[in-house]
Amino acid sequence: MRFCSAICNKRSYKLRLRVNAMKDTDQEVQTILDKPIKSLQGKYFLSVSNAAKLLSTSTKMIYRMIADGKLAAVNLSVRKTVISRKEIDRLFEIKEQIKFPEEKLVVRPKIRDSYSIAEAQKKFKISEAGLYQLIKRHKISKFKNGWYTYVAKKELDVIFNNDIK
């Protein structure tokens, strides 16, 4: 390549050296990172931290899977939990198709059939936090329109009429 000046030539040369050095170090880092995973693949039993490395996840996630019963493990002592490699492979076996529960189609009420949060607070004399807790507890749907959040009048009236009786 020809350059406009000796300075441009030197800059290009240094840049090429820098890029080649970065490629070499990137390859070395990648081999170092791949080495533990290759050594883990041949083991029959793994510690929680090794299982996390193998699955590219955190140890907290592995402990959660053990607590949920998705992954069987053995406590050898207070500080040592061991997981069979077969158990990890079993996670990836497809037993049956996962069926997600069908969600009901929620029909959003019209605004005239709804209370805004402020209207509901005034009518039922309840704090904002208390109203939101009731909405959450009774799984009442709410929707936002512009600046305001609305809740169906029918559902809130049923809750507050039942509480009064």
Protein backbone atom coordinates (compact mmCIF):
# COMPACT_ATOMS: atom_id res chain seq x y z
CA MET A 1 0.00 0.00 0.00
CA ARG A 2 1.11 3.51 -0.66
CA PHE A 3 0.50 6.26 1.82
CA CYS A 4 0.45 10.00 1.54
CA SER A 5 3.34 10.43 3.96
CA ALA A 6 5.75 8.60 6.22
CA ILE A 7 3.57 9.45 9.24
CA CYS A 8 0.51 7.75 7.69
CA ASN A 9 2.67 4.75 6.80
CA LYS A 10 3.92 4.44 10.43
CA ARG A 11 0.39 4.74 11.82
CA SER A 12 -0.89 2.00 9.50
CA TYR A 13 2.04 -0.26 10.39
CA LYS A 14 1.48 0.19 14.13
CA LEU A 15 -2.24 -0.45 13.69
CA ARG A 16 -1.55 -3.72 11.84
CA LEU A 17 0.83 -4.84 14.58
CA ARG A 18 -1.75 -3.97 17.25
CA VAL A 19 -4.53 -5.85 15.42
CA ASN A 20 -2.35 -8.96 14.96
CA ALA A 21 -1.33 -8.89 18.64
CA MET A 22 -5.00 -8.62 19.66
CA LYS A 23 -5.90 -11.62 17.46
CA ASP A 24 -3.20 -13.71 19.12
CA THR A 25 -4.28 -12.77 22.64
CA ASP A 26 -7.95 -13.35 21.77
CA GLN A 27 -7.11 -16.87 20.61
CA GLU A 28 -5.13 -17.57 23.78
CA VAL A 29 -7.94 -16.28 25.98
CA GLN A 30 -10.50 -18.40 24.11
CA THR A 31 -8.43 -21.58 24.55
CA ILE A 32 -8.08 -20.81 28.27
CA LEU A 33 -11.83 -20.26 28.60
CA ASP A 34 -12.68 -23.45 26.66
CA LYS A 35 -10.26 -25.63 28.64
CA PRO A 36 -12.35 -25.97 31.84
CA ILE A 37 -15.51 -26.85 29.92
CA LYS A 38 -13.71 -29.59 27.97
CA SER A 39 -12.31 -31.04 31.19
CA LEU A 40 -15.77 -30.96 32.80
CA GLN A 41 -17.40 -32.88 29.98
CA GLY A 42 -15.55 -36.06 30.87
CA LYS A 43 -16.44 -36.07 34.58
CA TYR A 44 -19.21 -38.26 36.01
CA PHE A 45 -19.88 -36.07 39.05
CA LEU A 46 -19.77 -32.29 39.20
CA SER A 47 -19.77 -29.75 41.98
CA VAL A 48 -22.37 -26.98 41.89
CA SER A 49 -19.86 -24.44 40.58
CA ASN A 50 -18.65 -26.84 37.86
CA ALA A 51 -22.23 -27.60 36.84
CA ALA A 52 -22.86 -23.86 36.61
CA LYS A 53 -19.82 -23.46 34.36
CA LEU A 54 -20.93 -26.34 32.18
CA LEU A 55 -24.44 -24.93 31.77
CA SER A 56 -23.15 -21.33 31.49
CA THR A 57 -25.32 -20.18 34.37
CA SER A 58 -24.88 -19.07 37.97
CA THR A 59 -24.50 -21.27 41.02
CA LYS A 60 -27.63 -19.64 42.43
CA MET A 61 -29.60 -20.97 39.45
CA ILE A 62 -28.23 -24.48 40.03
CA TYR A 63 -29.22 -24.34 43.72
CA ARG A 64 -32.69 -23.12 42.71
CA MET A 65 -33.06 -26.04 40.28
CA ILE A 66 -32.03 -28.44 43.05
CA ALA A 67 -34.57 -26.89 45.45
CA ASP A 68 -37.33 -27.08 42.81
CA GLY A 69 -36.58 -30.77 42.20
CA LYS A 70 -35.55 -30.25 38.57
CA LEU A 71 -32.04 -31.42 39.33
CA ALA A 72 -31.12 -34.24 41.73
CA ALA A 73 -28.04 -33.71 43.89
CA VAL A 74 -26.34 -35.25 46.90
CA ASN A 75 -24.92 -33.35 49.86
CA LEU A 76 -21.67 -35.04 50.80
CA SER A 77 -21.10 -32.53 53.59
CA VAL A 78 -22.28 -29.09 54.60
CA ARG A 79 -20.02 -27.46 52.01
CA LYS A 80 -20.00 -30.08 49.22
CA THR A 81 -22.93 -30.81 46.93
CA VAL A 82 -22.40 -33.18 44.02
CA ILE A 83 -24.51 -33.55 40.88
CA SER A 84 -24.42 -36.56 38.59
CA ARG A 85 -23.59 -35.80 34.97
CA LYS A 86 -26.54 -37.99 33.97
CA GLU A 87 -28.85 -35.62 35.87
CA ILE A 88 -27.58 -32.66 33.85
CA ASP A 89 -28.04 -34.60 30.60
CA ARG A 90 -31.55 -35.54 31.75
CA LEU A 91 -32.48 -31.85 31.79
CA PHE A 92 -32.23 -31.77 28.02
CA GLU A 93 -34.30 -34.88 27.30
CA ILE A 94 -37.68 -34.07 25.84
CA LYS A 95 -40.29 -36.08 27.72
CA GLU A 96 -43.44 -34.50 26.40
CA GLN A 97 -44.49 -31.30 24.84
CA ILE A 98 -44.89 -28.50 27.30
CA LYS A 99 -48.44 -27.25 27.39
CA PHE A 100 -48.87 -23.71 28.56
CA PRO A 101 -52.12 -22.91 30.29
CA GLU A 102 -54.46 -21.04 28.04
CA GLU A 103 -55.04 -17.53 29.20
CA LYS A 104 -58.53 -16.17 29.23
CA LEU A 105 -59.15 -13.44 26.76
CA VAL A 106 -59.73 -10.36 28.87
CA VAL A 107 -62.24 -7.94 27.43
CA ARG A 108 -61.32 -4.45 28.47
CA PRO A 109 -64.33 -2.51 29.78
CA LYS A 110 -65.18 0.88 28.38
CA ILE A 111 -63.96 3.93 30.28
CA ARG A 112 -67.51 4.88 31.28
CA ASP A 113 -67.83 1.43 32.94
CA SER A 114 -64.59 1.93 34.87
CA TYR A 115 -63.26 3.87 37.83
CA SER A 116 -59.99 5.70 37.64
CA ILE A 117 -57.78 4.94 40.62
CA ALA A 118 -58.51 8.39 42.11
CA GLU A 119 -62.28 7.93 41.67
CA ALA A 120 -62.16 4.52 43.34
CA GLN A 121 -60.15 5.95 46.24
CA LYS A 122 -62.69 8.70 46.84
CA LYS A 123 -65.75 6.49 46.46
CA PHE A 124 -64.58 3.63 48.67
CA LYS A 125 -62.46 5.79 51.03
CA ILE A 126 -59.34 3.68 50.66
CA SER A 127 -55.68 4.59 50.25
CA GLU A 128 -53.88 4.11 46.97
CA ALA A 129 -51.69 1.34 48.39
CA GLY A 130 -54.72 -0.42 49.88
CA LEU A 131 -56.57 -0.23 46.56
CA TYR A 132 -53.63 -1.66 44.65
CA GLN A 133 -53.33 -4.50 47.19
CA LEU A 134 -57.01 -5.34 46.71
CA ILE A 135 -56.64 -5.27 42.95
CA LYS A 136 -53.64 -7.58 43.18
CA ARG A 137 -55.23 -9.94 45.74
CA HIS A 138 -58.45 -10.37 43.76
CA LYS A 139 -56.63 -10.44 40.39
CA ILE A 140 -58.70 -7.60 39.00
CA SER A 141 -57.58 -6.42 35.61
CA LYS A 142 -56.62 -2.81 35.25
CA PHE A 143 -55.72 -0.84 32.17
CA LYS A 144 -54.07 2.41 31.37
CA ASN A 145 -55.49 5.06 29.07
CA GLY A 146 -53.31 8.13 28.78
CA TRP A 147 -52.28 9.34 32.23
CA TYR A 148 -54.94 7.39 34.12
CA THR A 149 -55.24 3.80 35.28
CA TYR A 150 -58.76 2.34 35.20
CA VAL A 151 -60.43 -0.58 36.98
CA ALA A 152 -63.80 -2.13 36.07
CA LYS A 153 -66.64 -0.70 38.18
CA LYS A 154 -68.46 -4.02 38.28
CA GLU A 155 -65.53 -5.90 39.82
CA LEU A 156 -64.75 -3.27 42.47
CA ASP A 157 -68.43 -2.90 43.41
CA VAL A 158 -68.68 -6.64 43.96
CA ILE A 159 -65.63 -6.63 46.26
CA PHE A 160 -66.74 -3.67 48.34
CA ASN A 161 -70.38 -4.82 48.59
CA ASN A 162 -69.17 -8.24 49.86
CA ASP A 163 -66.88 -6.55 52.41
CA ILE A 164 -69.74 -4.41 53.79
CA LYS A 165 -72.15 -7.30 54.36
